[in-house]
Amino acid sequence: MSAIKDSVHDYITLDPLAEDLVDAPEVQRLRHIKQLSTVRLVYPSANHTRFEHSLGVYHLASRALDHLGIDGDRARHVRAAALLHDIGHGPYGHQTEEVIRRRTGAHHDEIGHLLDGTDVAAALVAHGLEPDRITSLVRGEGELGQLVSGELDVDRMDYLVRDAHHTGVPYGTIDTGRLVRELRYRDGELVLADGNVQTAESLLLARALMNGTVYRHHVSRIAGAMLERASERLLDTGDVDIEAFRRMADHDLLVSLRDHVPELGRRIERRDLYKRAVWAPIASVPANVVDMDDTETRAAAREIADAAGVDADEVLVDVPSRPSFKESRTRVVVNGVVQRLEEASELVTGLRAAERAQWRLGVYAPFDATDDVRAAAADVLGLSEIRVDLGR
């Protein structure tokens, strides 16, 4: 058994299977994918990787399994799934996820193609594990899959505390020790034991605060929109195919963008980012715009660019998904009865309202073009109010 020193959980002990999995190229690649992708352009110390995070998820899964009394073959499969849950990510993680999904139809948690004839598959089989069961657990399927991907998963527990630690913000500091100790199964559902409404609320509050402060910071959103546009253009050149793209590390993508999409690639590399021409709250945005899909969003960007008299690549329309709070569906036991957190907590209503209030439609362009783009966007998108706060 090997022990690895971790900045968040202190020492993480690897079982023999985990030792072999960690050495596989598919897992080592995660050392070169930053956990917070473009957020590190806002928080310079946020340079931790998906490799560190995967070790943390493995560690918390191991502790949760111990407290739940789950051992043997079932536990070994869950620990392996926890360690492997992010190997399907492309470069820059979630920032290129939609590009890959549009081209392949696959989500990052669909890792079956990485468990076929690879070193990871060989390690699993050598230790008597079934790759198909691992892929199912990573997708969150079944009773035990909820530990890996669900409202009370150990993935969320680790990334909140890890991201808070490395950005230096205090908002994600949840009590992972209590969370894993209080997990229970009731009728096949993962729940928090009686007396833990506040424990569940702390997870919800941490997620909400990290969303507004870290994950959805406008600079990261602008850089992410530029990266997505540049990645699409890179794939359109035909110089890089989608299978090679999805196996890139962060630095591979930057080099390819520099070579094949030089204007956007240079801007991303040097943090010479577009600015906000529009930053509009949901109340000012027509419902049909809020619900635009990717094809409609790109068409709107082209129309805005044409009306503003700028190059098509100089306008990006960023429409986040409608505000949602899936963590409010977390199940807690209250006086012996399983309830959803939204039924047991008055805090959920306020956080849901705050989530809606923080939603913003973004339209981005080079600084010199923002005034023309703002006027064009108001006309094309039918905005009732134009807001842009350049001071944030």
Protein backbone atom coordinates (compact mmCIF):
# COMPACT_ATOMS: atom_id res chain seq x y z
CA MET A 1 0.00 0.00 0.00
CA SER A 2 1.40 3.39 -1.02
CA ALA A 3 0.67 6.74 0.64
CA ILE A 4 0.55 10.01 -1.30
CA LYS A 5 0.76 13.38 0.44
CA ASP A 6 -2.18 15.55 -0.58
CA SER A 7 -2.66 19.28 0.01
CA VAL A 8 -6.28 18.80 1.10
CA HIS A 9 -6.68 15.35 2.68
CA ASP A 10 -3.13 14.91 4.07
CA TYR A 11 -2.12 11.32 3.26
CA ILE A 12 -4.06 9.25 0.74
CA THR A 13 -3.42 5.50 0.90
CA LEU A 14 -3.65 3.60 -2.38
CA ASP A 15 -4.57 -0.07 -2.52
CA PRO A 16 -2.67 -2.31 -4.99
CA LEU A 17 -5.25 -1.82 -7.74
CA ALA A 18 -5.14 1.97 -7.35
CA GLU A 19 -1.34 1.86 -7.53
CA ASP A 20 -1.54 0.13 -10.90
CA LEU A 21 -4.30 2.42 -12.20
CA VAL A 22 -2.41 5.56 -11.23
CA ASP A 23 0.52 4.48 -13.41
CA ALA A 24 -1.68 4.04 -16.51
CA PRO A 25 -1.19 6.72 -19.22
CA GLU A 26 -4.93 7.48 -19.20
CA VAL A 27 -4.69 8.54 -15.55
CA GLN A 28 -1.26 10.19 -15.77
CA ARG A 29 -2.67 12.42 -18.53
CA LEU A 30 -4.85 14.06 -15.86
CA ARG A 31 -1.70 15.62 -14.38
CA HIS A 32 -1.74 17.90 -17.43
CA ILE A 33 -5.39 18.99 -17.27
CA LYS A 34 -6.06 21.80 -14.84
CA GLN A 35 -9.09 21.26 -12.62
CA LEU A 36 -10.32 24.84 -13.00
CA SER A 37 -9.31 25.46 -16.64
CA THR A 38 -9.87 29.17 -17.40
CA VAL A 39 -10.65 30.06 -13.77
CA ARG A 40 -6.89 30.17 -13.22
CA LEU A 41 -6.86 33.33 -15.34
CA VAL A 42 -8.73 34.92 -12.44
CA TYR A 43 -7.17 33.09 -9.48
CA PRO A 44 -3.46 32.57 -10.29
CA SER A 45 -2.92 29.91 -7.63
CA ALA A 46 -5.68 27.67 -9.01
CA ASN A 47 -3.26 25.42 -10.84
CA HIS A 48 -4.31 22.11 -9.33
CA THR A 49 -5.08 19.25 -11.68
CA ARG A 50 -7.69 16.62 -12.31
CA PHE A 51 -5.10 14.06 -11.21
CA GLU A 52 -5.06 15.51 -7.67
CA HIS A 53 -8.83 15.73 -7.67
CA SER A 54 -9.19 12.11 -8.78
CA LEU A 55 -6.99 10.98 -5.89
CA GLY A 56 -9.17 13.03 -3.53
CA VAL A 57 -12.37 11.47 -4.86
CA TYR A 58 -10.83 8.01 -4.44
CA HIS A 59 -9.91 8.89 -0.85
CA LEU A 60 -13.39 10.16 0.08
CA ALA A 61 -15.04 7.20 -1.63
CA SER A 62 -12.87 4.84 0.43
CA ARG A 63 -13.88 6.59 3.65
CA ALA A 64 -17.55 6.62 2.70
CA LEU A 65 -17.48 2.90 1.90
CA ASP A 66 -15.90 2.16 5.28
CA HIS A 67 -18.61 4.11 7.13
CA LEU A 68 -21.35 2.47 5.05
CA GLY A 69 -19.97 -0.99 5.80
CA ILE A 70 -19.49 -1.82 2.13
CA ASP A 71 -16.47 -3.97 1.39
CA GLY A 72 -15.17 -6.71 -0.87
CA ASP A 73 -15.78 -6.77 -4.59
CA ARG A 74 -18.44 -4.01 -4.50
CA ALA A 75 -16.13 -1.61 -2.70
CA ARG A 76 -13.22 -2.33 -5.03
CA HIS A 77 -15.32 -1.43 -8.06
CA VAL A 78 -16.49 1.84 -6.46
CA ARG A 79 -12.96 2.86 -5.49
CA ALA A 80 -11.74 2.18 -9.02
CA ALA A 81 -14.63 4.17 -10.51
CA ALA A 82 -13.88 7.08 -8.18
CA LEU A 83 -10.25 7.15 -9.28
CA LEU A 84 -11.16 6.88 -12.98
CA HIS A 85 -14.23 9.12 -13.06
CA ASP A 86 -12.49 12.02 -14.90
CA ILE A 87 -10.37 10.18 -17.48
CA GLY A 88 -12.96 11.00 -20.16
CA HIS A 89 -12.34 14.74 -19.92
CA GLY A 90 -10.83 16.54 -22.87
CA PRO A 91 -8.33 19.42 -22.65
CA TYR A 92 -9.45 22.21 -20.34
CA GLY A 93 -12.06 19.88 -18.87
CA HIS A 94 -15.57 21.28 -18.93
CA GLN A 95 -14.59 24.16 -21.21
CA THR A 96 -14.30 21.83 -24.22
CA GLU A 97 -16.94 19.35 -23.10
CA GLU A 98 -19.68 20.74 -25.36
CA VAL A 99 -17.35 20.84 -28.36
CA ILE A 100 -16.62 17.14 -27.88
CA ARG A 101 -20.26 16.27 -27.23
CA ARG A 102 -21.40 18.01 -30.41
CA ARG A 103 -18.82 16.11 -32.48
CA THR A 104 -19.08 12.68 -30.85
CA GLY A 105 -22.37 12.63 -28.95
CA ALA A 106 -20.42 11.52 -25.87
CA HIS A 107 -20.32 13.06 -22.40
CA HIS A 108 -17.12 13.04 -20.35
CA ASP A 109 -18.52 10.40 -17.98
CA GLU A 110 -18.84 7.91 -20.85
CA ILE A 111 -15.46 6.23 -20.48
CA GLY A 112 -16.11 2.87 -22.13
CA HIS A 113 -13.83 3.70 -25.07
CA LEU A 114 -10.98 4.17 -22.56
CA LEU A 115 -11.57 0.78 -20.97
CA ASP A 116 -11.11 -1.21 -24.15
CA GLY A 117 -7.62 -2.46 -24.85
CA THR A 118 -5.90 0.16 -22.68
CA ASP A 119 -3.54 -0.04 -19.72
CA VAL A 120 -6.47 0.89 -17.49
CA ALA A 121 -8.49 -2.07 -18.76
CA ALA A 122 -5.51 -4.39 -18.32
CA ALA A 123 -5.07 -3.29 -14.70
CA LEU A 124 -8.77 -3.76 -13.94
CA VAL A 125 -8.88 -7.23 -15.46
CA ALA A 126 -5.64 -8.26 -13.75
CA HIS A 127 -7.23 -7.44 -10.40
CA GLY A 128 -10.47 -9.26 -11.22
CA LEU A 129 -12.64 -6.20 -11.87
CA GLU A 130 -15.19 -5.78 -14.66
CA PRO A 131 -14.69 -2.70 -16.87
CA ASP A 132 -18.41 -2.56 -17.74
CA ARG A 133 -19.30 -2.21 -14.06
CA ILE A 134 -16.80 0.62 -13.74
CA THR A 135 -18.32 2.55 -16.65
CA SER A 136 -21.78 2.11 -15.15
CA LEU A 137 -20.65 3.44 -11.76
CA VAL A 138 -18.94 6.45 -13.34
CA ARG A 139 -22.25 7.32 -15.02
CA GLY A 140 -23.89 7.26 -11.58
CA GLU A 141 -26.00 4.19 -12.28
CA GLY A 142 -27.30 1.90 -9.57
CA GLU A 143 -27.21 2.17 -5.82
CA LEU A 144 -23.44 2.51 -5.53
CA GLY A 145 -23.14 4.79 -8.56
CA GLN A 146 -24.74 7.54 -6.48
CA LEU A 147 -21.54 7.76 -4.45
CA VAL A 148 -19.54 8.58 -7.59
CA SER A 149 -22.07 10.76 -9.41
CA GLY A 150 -25.19 12.03 -7.67
CA GLU A 151 -26.51 14.75 -5.38
CA LEU A 152 -24.36 13.46 -2.48
CA ASP A 153 -21.38 12.27 -4.47
CA VAL A 154 -17.80 12.38 -3.25
CA ASP A 155 -16.79 14.10 -6.50
CA ARG A 156 -18.60 17.27 -5.44
CA MET A 157 -17.26 17.04 -1.89
CA ASP A 158 -13.67 16.95 -3.09
CA TYR A 159 -13.80 19.61 -5.77
CA LEU A 160 -15.50 22.15 -3.49
CA VAL A 161 -12.86 21.95 -0.77
CA ARG A 162 -9.99 21.56 -3.25
CA ASP A 163 -11.07 24.48 -5.43
CA ALA A 164 -11.59 26.70 -2.38
CA HIS A 165 -8.16 25.74 -1.05
CA HIS A 166 -6.33 26.52 -4.27
CA THR A 167 -8.21 29.71 -5.17
CA GLY A 168 -7.86 30.99 -1.63
CA VAL A 169 -11.57 31.69 -1.16
CA PRO A 170 -13.33 30.40 1.99
CA TYR A 171 -16.70 29.56 0.45
CA GLY A 172 -16.20 25.88 -0.40
CA THR A 173 -14.93 24.76 3.00
CA ILE A 174 -17.45 22.03 3.79
CA ASP A 175 -17.07 19.37 6.47
CA THR A 176 -16.27 16.35 4.33
CA GLY A 177 -15.63 14.26 7.43
CA ARG A 178 -19.18 14.66 8.69
CA LEU A 179 -20.67 14.30 5.23
CA VAL A 180 -19.09 10.90 4.57
CA ARG A 181 -19.83 9.69 8.13
CA GLU A 182 -23.52 10.57 7.87
CA LEU A 183 -24.22 8.88 4.53
CA ARG A 184 -26.81 6.10 4.62
CA TYR A 185 -28.79 4.00 2.17
CA ARG A 186 -32.59 3.98 2.47
CA ASP A 187 -34.54 1.91 -0.04
CA GLY A 188 -31.61 2.06 -2.45
CA GLU A 189 -31.24 5.84 -2.22
CA LEU A 190 -28.19 7.60 -0.78
CA VAL A 191 -29.30 9.94 2.00
CA LEU A 192 -27.95 11.88 4.96
CA ALA A 193 -28.88 10.49 8.35
CA ASP A 194 -31.36 12.14 10.72
CA GLY A 195 -30.20 15.44 12.15
CA ASN A 196 -28.25 16.55 9.08
CA VAL A 197 -30.41 19.17 7.37
CA GLN A 198 -27.74 21.78 8.18
CA THR A 199 -25.04 19.46 6.87
CA ALA A 200 -26.87 19.22 3.55
CA GLU A 201 -27.46 22.97 3.55
CA SER A 202 -23.73 23.59 3.96
CA LEU A 203 -23.04 21.63 0.77
CA LEU A 204 -25.73 23.58 -1.06
CA LEU A 205 -24.49 26.94 0.24
CA ALA A 206 -20.87 26.17 -0.62
CA ARG A 207 -21.84 25.25 -4.17
CA ALA A 208 -23.92 28.43 -4.58
CA LEU A 209 -21.16 30.70 -3.28
CA MET A 210 -18.47 29.02 -5.37
CA ASN A 211 -20.67 29.37 -8.46
CA GLY A 212 -20.94 33.13 -8.13
CA THR A 213 -17.40 33.79 -6.95
CA VAL A 214 -15.28 31.23 -8.77
CA TYR A 215 -16.93 28.96 -11.34
CA ARG A 216 -18.95 31.63 -13.16
CA HIS A 217 -16.63 34.59 -12.82
CA HIS A 218 -17.06 36.71 -15.93
CA VAL A 219 -13.39 36.59 -16.91
CA SER A 220 -13.44 32.80 -16.86
CA ARG A 221 -16.65 32.78 -18.87
CA ILE A 222 -15.18 35.08 -21.51
CA ALA A 223 -12.01 32.99 -21.78
CA GLY A 224 -14.10 29.81 -21.90
CA ALA A 225 -16.25 31.18 -24.73
CA MET A 226 -13.12 32.17 -26.66
CA LEU A 227 -11.58 28.75 -26.07
CA GLU A 228 -14.72 26.99 -27.30
CA ARG A 229 -14.85 29.12 -30.46
CA ALA A 230 -11.13 28.54 -31.10
CA SER A 231 -11.52 24.78 -30.56
CA GLU A 232 -14.37 24.62 -33.06
CA ARG A 233 -12.27 26.48 -35.62
CA LEU A 234 -9.32 24.17 -34.96
CA LEU A 235 -11.46 21.11 -35.67
CA ASP A 236 -12.95 22.77 -38.74
CA THR A 237 -9.47 23.14 -40.25
CA GLY A 238 -9.16 19.35 -40.42
CA ASP A 239 -5.60 19.51 -39.08
CA VAL A 240 -6.74 17.86 -35.83
CA ASP A 241 -9.47 15.21 -35.70
CA ILE A 242 -11.88 14.88 -32.81
CA GLU A 243 -10.33 11.72 -31.40
CA ALA A 244 -6.89 13.36 -31.21
CA PHE A 245 -8.50 16.52 -29.80
CA ARG A 246 -10.31 14.77 -26.95
CA ARG A 247 -7.07 13.05 -25.83
CA MET A 248 -5.06 16.30 -25.76
CA ALA A 249 -3.75 17.83 -22.55
CA ASP A 250 -4.10 21.56 -21.88
CA HIS A 251 -0.68 22.45 -23.27
CA ASP A 252 -1.30 20.39 -26.44
CA LEU A 253 -4.40 22.43 -27.17
CA LEU A 254 -2.65 25.76 -26.62
CA VAL A 255 0.11 24.77 -29.04
CA SER A 256 -2.40 23.63 -31.67
CA LEU A 257 -4.40 26.83 -31.33
CA ARG A 258 -1.26 28.90 -31.66
CA ASP A 259 -0.41 27.08 -34.88
CA HIS A 260 -3.83 26.78 -36.51
CA VAL A 261 -6.06 29.49 -34.96
CA PRO A 262 -3.38 32.09 -34.21
CA GLU A 263 -5.48 35.15 -33.42
CA LEU A 264 -7.71 33.52 -30.80
CA GLY A 265 -4.93 31.20 -29.66
CA ARG A 266 -2.60 34.12 -28.99
CA ARG A 267 -5.28 36.02 -27.08
CA ILE A 268 -6.06 33.03 -24.86
CA GLU A 269 -2.41 32.27 -24.17
CA ARG A 270 -1.61 35.89 -23.29
CA ARG A 271 -4.87 36.59 -21.44
CA ASP A 272 -5.70 39.28 -23.98
CA LEU A 273 -9.40 38.62 -23.63
CA TYR A 274 -12.54 40.06 -25.14
CA LYS A 275 -14.65 42.40 -23.00
CA ARG A 276 -18.30 42.41 -22.07
CA ALA A 277 -20.48 44.29 -24.51
CA VAL A 278 -23.62 42.95 -22.81
CA TRP A 279 -24.05 41.49 -19.33
CA ALA A 280 -27.79 41.19 -18.92
CA PRO A 281 -29.92 39.67 -16.12
CA ILE A 282 -32.49 37.06 -16.95
CA ALA A 283 -35.39 39.49 -16.44
CA SER A 284 -34.09 41.61 -19.33
CA VAL A 285 -33.67 38.72 -21.76
CA PRO A 286 -36.53 37.29 -23.87
CA ALA A 287 -37.38 33.67 -23.05
CA ASN A 288 -36.53 32.52 -26.57
CA VAL A 289 -33.00 33.90 -26.13
CA VAL A 290 -32.56 32.26 -22.71
CA ASP A 291 -33.49 28.94 -24.32
CA MET A 292 -31.33 29.24 -27.44
CA ASP A 293 -29.30 26.18 -28.36
CA ASP A 294 -25.75 26.24 -29.67
CA THR A 295 -26.73 26.55 -33.32
CA GLU A 296 -29.02 29.48 -32.57
CA THR A 297 -26.40 31.13 -30.37
CA ARG A 298 -23.76 31.00 -33.10
CA ALA A 299 -26.25 32.30 -35.67
CA ALA A 300 -27.10 35.22 -33.36
CA ALA A 301 -23.40 35.99 -32.93
CA ARG A 302 -22.92 36.11 -36.71
CA GLU A 303 -25.94 38.38 -37.10
CA ILE A 304 -24.68 40.72 -34.38
CA ALA A 305 -21.21 40.83 -35.93
CA ASP A 306 -22.70 41.64 -39.35
CA ALA A 307 -24.84 44.43 -37.90
CA ALA A 308 -21.89 45.84 -35.95
CA GLY A 309 -19.56 45.67 -38.94
CA VAL A 310 -16.96 43.44 -37.30
CA ASP A 311 -15.47 40.04 -38.12
CA ALA A 312 -17.69 37.07 -37.25
CA ASP A 313 -15.08 35.69 -34.81
CA GLU A 314 -15.10 38.97 -32.88
CA VAL A 315 -18.55 38.40 -31.35
CA LEU A 316 -19.33 35.66 -28.86
CA VAL A 317 -22.80 35.11 -27.41
CA ASP A 318 -22.74 33.27 -24.09
CA VAL A 319 -26.11 31.96 -22.92
CA PRO A 320 -25.86 29.89 -19.72
CA SER A 321 -28.41 27.18 -19.08
CA ARG A 322 -31.42 28.24 -17.07
CA PRO A 323 -30.75 28.50 -13.33
CA SER A 324 -31.13 25.12 -11.69
CA PHE A 325 -30.35 23.72 -8.27
CA LYS A 326 -30.17 19.96 -8.59
CA GLU A 327 -28.44 19.76 -5.19
CA SER A 328 -31.76 20.79 -3.65
CA ARG A 329 -32.93 17.25 -4.47
CA THR A 330 -30.44 15.88 -1.92
CA ARG A 331 -32.25 13.42 0.36
CA VAL A 332 -32.10 13.86 4.11
CA VAL A 333 -33.79 11.96 6.92
CA VAL A 334 -36.03 14.18 9.06
CA ASN A 335 -37.69 12.55 12.07
CA GLY A 336 -37.25 9.16 10.46
CA VAL A 337 -38.75 10.19 7.10
CA VAL A 338 -36.70 10.69 3.91
CA GLN A 339 -37.29 14.12 2.40
CA ARG A 340 -35.75 16.16 -0.37
CA LEU A 341 -33.73 19.07 1.00
CA GLU A 342 -36.00 21.53 -0.79
CA GLU A 343 -38.86 20.21 1.36
CA ALA A 344 -36.91 20.30 4.62
CA SER A 345 -35.01 23.57 4.30
CA GLU A 346 -36.19 27.16 3.99
CA LEU A 347 -32.70 28.10 2.85
CA VAL A 348 -33.24 26.45 -0.53
CA THR A 349 -35.82 29.05 -1.60
CA GLY A 350 -33.43 31.90 -0.95
CA LEU A 351 -30.52 30.19 -2.69
CA ARG A 352 -32.69 29.39 -5.68
CA ALA A 353 -33.64 33.08 -5.93
CA ALA A 354 -29.98 34.07 -5.62
CA GLU A 355 -29.04 31.67 -8.41
CA ARG A 356 -31.60 33.30 -10.67
CA ALA A 357 -30.41 36.79 -9.71
CA GLN A 358 -26.79 35.89 -10.60
CA TRP A 359 -27.66 34.59 -14.08
CA ARG A 360 -26.25 36.74 -16.89
CA LEU A 361 -26.39 36.70 -20.67
CA GLY A 362 -22.97 37.67 -22.00
CA VAL A 363 -22.04 39.12 -25.36
CA TYR A 364 -18.27 39.56 -25.74
CA ALA A 365 -16.10 41.40 -28.25
CA PRO A 366 -12.70 43.11 -28.52
CA PHE A 367 -12.64 46.29 -26.42
CA ASP A 368 -12.71 48.67 -29.40
CA ALA A 369 -15.84 47.01 -30.77
CA THR A 370 -17.92 46.77 -27.59
CA ASP A 371 -20.07 49.87 -28.17
CA ASP A 372 -21.08 48.85 -31.70
CA VAL A 373 -21.62 45.25 -30.64
CA ARG A 374 -23.74 46.33 -27.66
CA ALA A 375 -26.10 48.31 -29.89
CA ALA A 376 -26.33 45.52 -32.43
CA ALA A 377 -26.94 42.89 -29.75
CA ALA A 378 -29.80 44.90 -28.26
CA ASP A 379 -31.51 44.93 -31.63
CA VAL A 380 -30.78 41.34 -32.67
CA LEU A 381 -31.60 39.76 -29.29
CA GLY A 382 -34.49 42.07 -28.42
CA LEU A 383 -33.07 43.04 -25.05
CA SER A 384 -35.21 45.33 -22.92
CA GLU A 385 -32.28 46.54 -20.88
CA ILE A 386 -28.56 46.67 -21.59
CA ARG A 387 -26.24 46.26 -18.65
CA VAL A 388 -22.51 45.96 -18.53
CA ASP A 389 -20.49 46.49 -15.38
CA LEU A 390 -16.89 46.91 -16.49
CA GLY A 391 -15.80 47.44 -12.92
CA ARG A 392 -16.31 43.80 -11.91
